């Protein structure tokens, strides 16, 4: 048996996909709650850039419930 056949490759996941998976686990949350779940503490700035990239690259995967603060986010 060749070694190439034995190695199982894991699919490559971006940080945005990892963050969306965590948001899906916690449900609807604010940026501060989402940042807490990602390990950033209560500092929402940790996920703000991630949210912007998700809105730009894959807007169909993130639903924003309020236009004003506090915005509530939900992973679809």
N, C-alpha and C. Protein backbone atom coordinates (compact mmCIF):
# COMPACT_ATOMS: atom_id res chain seq x y z
N UNK A 1 0.83 -1.18 0.00
CA UNK A 1 0.00 0.00 0.00
C UNK A 1 0.88 1.25 0.00
N UNK A 2 0.52 2.18 -0.83
CA UNK A 2 1.30 3.41 -0.89
C UNK A 2 0.85 4.37 0.19
N UNK A 3 1.77 5.20 0.60
CA UNK A 3 1.48 6.18 1.65
C UNK A 3 0.45 7.20 1.20
N UNK A 4 0.43 7.55 -0.09
CA UNK A 4 -0.53 8.54 -0.59
C UNK A 4 -1.97 8.07 -0.40
N UNK A 5 -2.20 6.80 -0.49
CA UNK A 5 -3.55 6.25 -0.34
C UNK A 5 -3.99 6.24 1.12
N UNK A 6 -3.05 6.20 2.03
CA UNK A 6 -3.39 6.09 3.44
C UNK A 6 -3.67 7.45 4.08
N UNK A 7 -3.14 8.51 3.51
CA UNK A 7 -3.30 9.84 4.10
C UNK A 7 -4.65 10.41 3.71
N UNK A 8 -5.43 10.77 4.70
CA UNK A 8 -6.72 11.40 4.45
C UNK A 8 -6.55 12.89 4.59
N UNK A 9 -6.89 13.63 3.54
CA UNK A 9 -6.75 15.06 3.59
C UNK A 9 -8.00 15.68 4.18
N UNK A 10 -7.80 16.61 5.11
CA UNK A 10 -8.92 17.34 5.68
C UNK A 10 -9.22 18.53 4.78
N UNK A 11 -10.49 18.85 4.63
CA UNK A 11 -10.80 20.03 3.81
C UNK A 11 -10.29 21.30 4.46
N UNK A 12 -9.78 22.19 3.64
CA UNK A 12 -9.23 23.46 4.12
C UNK A 12 -10.37 24.37 4.54
N UNK A 13 -10.29 24.90 5.78
CA UNK A 13 -11.32 25.81 6.29
C UNK A 13 -10.68 27.14 6.62
N UNK A 14 -11.31 28.21 6.19
CA UNK A 14 -10.81 29.54 6.49
C UNK A 14 -11.25 29.96 7.88
N UNK A 15 -10.65 31.02 8.40
CA UNK A 15 -11.02 31.53 9.72
C UNK A 15 -12.47 31.99 9.70
N UNK A 16 -12.93 32.53 8.57
CA UNK A 16 -14.31 32.97 8.47
C UNK A 16 -15.27 31.79 8.62
N UNK A 17 -14.94 30.66 8.01
CA UNK A 17 -15.78 29.47 8.13
C UNK A 17 -15.79 28.93 9.56
N UNK A 18 -14.65 28.99 10.22
CA UNK A 18 -14.57 28.54 11.61
C UNK A 18 -15.44 29.44 12.49
N UNK A 19 -15.37 30.75 12.25
CA UNK A 19 -16.18 31.70 13.03
C UNK A 19 -17.67 31.48 12.77
N UNK A 20 -18.04 31.22 11.52
CA UNK A 20 -19.45 30.96 11.21
C UNK A 20 -19.94 29.68 11.89
N UNK A 21 -19.09 28.66 11.94
CA UNK A 21 -19.47 27.42 12.62
C UNK A 21 -19.71 27.68 14.11
N UNK A 22 -18.87 28.50 14.72
CA UNK A 22 -19.05 28.81 16.14
C UNK A 22 -20.32 29.62 16.36
N UNK A 23 -20.61 30.56 15.45
CA UNK A 23 -21.84 31.34 15.57
C UNK A 23 -23.06 30.45 15.41
N UNK A 24 -22.96 29.46 14.54
CA UNK A 24 -24.07 28.53 14.35
C UNK A 24 -24.33 27.74 15.63
N UNK A 25 -23.27 27.42 16.38
CA UNK A 25 -23.41 26.69 17.64
C UNK A 25 -24.10 27.53 18.70
N UNK A 26 -23.74 28.84 18.78
CA UNK A 26 -24.31 29.66 19.85
C UNK A 26 -25.62 30.30 19.45
N UNK A 27 -25.98 30.29 18.18
CA UNK A 27 -27.25 30.85 17.73
C UNK A 27 -27.13 32.33 17.42
N UNK A 28 -28.19 33.08 17.63
CA UNK A 28 -28.19 34.51 17.37
C UNK A 28 -27.42 35.21 18.48
N UNK A 29 -26.46 36.07 18.11
CA UNK A 29 -25.61 36.71 19.11
C UNK A 29 -25.14 38.08 18.63
N UNK A 30 -24.73 38.91 19.58
CA UNK A 30 -24.11 40.18 19.25
C UNK A 30 -22.64 39.93 18.91
N UNK A 31 -21.97 40.95 18.42
CA UNK A 31 -20.56 40.81 18.10
C UNK A 31 -19.74 40.52 19.36
N UNK A 32 -20.12 41.13 20.48
CA UNK A 32 -19.40 40.89 21.73
C UNK A 32 -19.57 39.44 22.20
N UNK A 33 -20.77 38.90 22.08
CA UNK A 33 -21.01 37.51 22.48
C UNK A 33 -20.27 36.55 21.54
N UNK A 34 -20.26 36.89 20.26
CA UNK A 34 -19.56 36.07 19.27
C UNK A 34 -18.05 36.10 19.55
N UNK A 35 -17.52 37.28 19.86
CA UNK A 35 -16.10 37.40 20.18
C UNK A 35 -15.75 36.60 21.43
N UNK A 36 -16.63 36.62 22.42
CA UNK A 36 -16.41 35.83 23.64
C UNK A 36 -16.35 34.34 23.31
N UNK A 37 -17.22 33.88 22.42
CA UNK A 37 -17.23 32.47 22.03
C UNK A 37 -15.98 32.09 21.24
N UNK A 38 -15.39 33.06 20.53
CA UNK A 38 -14.18 32.79 19.75
C UNK A 38 -12.92 32.91 20.59
N UNK A 39 -13.05 33.35 21.85
CA UNK A 39 -11.90 33.44 22.72
C UNK A 39 -11.23 34.80 22.76
N UNK A 40 -11.89 35.82 22.23
CA UNK A 40 -11.34 37.17 22.24
C UNK A 40 -11.69 37.93 23.51
N UNK A 41 -12.39 37.33 24.41
CA UNK A 41 -12.87 38.05 25.59
C UNK A 41 -14.13 38.83 25.21
N UNK A 42 -14.39 39.91 25.88
CA UNK A 42 -15.60 40.69 25.60
C UNK A 42 -15.32 41.79 24.58
N UNK A 43 -14.20 41.74 23.88
CA UNK A 43 -13.81 42.75 22.92
C UNK A 43 -14.35 42.39 21.53
N UNK A 44 -15.37 43.09 21.10
CA UNK A 44 -16.01 42.77 19.83
C UNK A 44 -15.14 43.09 18.63
N UNK A 45 -14.09 43.89 18.81
CA UNK A 45 -13.22 44.24 17.70
C UNK A 45 -12.53 43.01 17.10
N UNK A 46 -12.47 41.94 17.86
CA UNK A 46 -11.85 40.72 17.36
C UNK A 46 -12.59 40.09 16.20
N UNK A 47 -13.89 40.28 16.13
CA UNK A 47 -14.65 39.67 15.05
C UNK A 47 -15.19 40.69 14.03
N UNK A 48 -14.97 41.96 14.25
CA UNK A 48 -15.50 42.97 13.33
C UNK A 48 -14.91 42.81 11.93
N UNK A 49 -13.60 42.61 11.84
CA UNK A 49 -12.99 42.42 10.51
C UNK A 49 -13.45 41.12 9.87
N UNK A 50 -13.66 40.11 10.67
CA UNK A 50 -14.17 38.83 10.16
C UNK A 50 -15.58 39.03 9.60
N UNK A 51 -16.41 39.79 10.31
CA UNK A 51 -17.77 40.06 9.86
C UNK A 51 -17.75 40.81 8.53
N UNK A 52 -16.86 41.78 8.41
CA UNK A 52 -16.75 42.54 7.15
C UNK A 52 -16.34 41.63 5.99
N UNK A 53 -15.39 40.73 6.23
CA UNK A 53 -14.96 39.81 5.17
C UNK A 53 -16.08 38.84 4.79
N UNK A 54 -16.84 38.38 5.78
CA UNK A 54 -17.96 37.48 5.49
C UNK A 54 -19.02 38.21 4.67
N UNK A 55 -19.32 39.46 5.04
CA UNK A 55 -20.31 40.24 4.29
C UNK A 55 -19.86 40.46 2.86
N UNK A 56 -18.56 40.64 2.65
CA UNK A 56 -18.04 40.89 1.31
C UNK A 56 -17.98 39.62 0.47
N UNK A 57 -17.47 38.53 1.03
CA UNK A 57 -17.20 37.32 0.27
C UNK A 57 -18.37 36.33 0.22
N UNK A 58 -19.10 36.20 1.31
CA UNK A 58 -20.20 35.23 1.35
C UNK A 58 -21.38 35.77 2.15
N UNK A 59 -22.06 36.79 1.63
CA UNK A 59 -23.14 37.43 2.39
C UNK A 59 -24.35 36.52 2.62
N UNK A 60 -24.48 35.46 1.85
CA UNK A 60 -25.62 34.56 2.01
C UNK A 60 -25.51 33.69 3.26
N UNK A 61 -24.36 33.66 3.90
CA UNK A 61 -24.15 32.82 5.08
C UNK A 61 -24.33 33.55 6.40
N UNK A 62 -24.54 34.88 6.35
CA UNK A 62 -24.66 35.66 7.57
C UNK A 62 -25.88 36.56 7.49
N UNK A 63 -26.74 36.47 8.49
CA UNK A 63 -27.92 37.32 8.56
C UNK A 63 -27.74 38.31 9.70
N UNK A 64 -27.98 39.60 9.39
CA UNK A 64 -27.88 40.65 10.38
C UNK A 64 -29.29 41.09 10.73
N UNK A 65 -29.65 41.01 12.01
CA UNK A 65 -31.03 41.26 12.42
C UNK A 65 -31.36 42.72 12.65
N UNK A 66 -30.41 43.55 13.04
CA UNK A 66 -30.66 44.98 13.27
C UNK A 66 -29.69 45.80 12.45
N UNK A 67 -30.15 46.95 11.95
CA UNK A 67 -29.24 47.84 11.24
C UNK A 67 -28.42 48.70 12.20
N UNK A 68 -28.94 48.93 13.38
CA UNK A 68 -28.24 49.75 14.37
C UNK A 68 -27.76 48.88 15.52
N UNK A 69 -26.89 49.46 16.31
CA UNK A 69 -26.36 48.70 17.45
C UNK A 69 -27.42 48.51 18.51
N UNK A 70 -27.46 47.43 19.19
CA UNK A 70 -26.60 46.26 19.02
C UNK A 70 -27.11 45.38 17.88
N UNK A 71 -26.25 45.13 16.94
CA UNK A 71 -26.60 44.24 15.83
C UNK A 71 -26.56 42.80 16.32
N UNK A 72 -27.50 42.02 15.83
CA UNK A 72 -27.56 40.61 16.17
C UNK A 72 -27.22 39.83 14.91
N UNK A 73 -26.33 38.86 15.04
CA UNK A 73 -25.85 38.07 13.89
C UNK A 73 -26.32 36.63 14.02
N UNK A 74 -26.60 36.05 12.85
CA UNK A 74 -27.03 34.65 12.82
C UNK A 74 -26.38 33.98 11.61
N UNK A 75 -25.82 32.80 11.81
CA UNK A 75 -25.20 32.04 10.71
C UNK A 75 -26.28 31.21 10.03
N UNK A 76 -26.31 31.27 8.72
CA UNK A 76 -27.30 30.52 7.95
C UNK A 76 -26.70 29.26 7.35
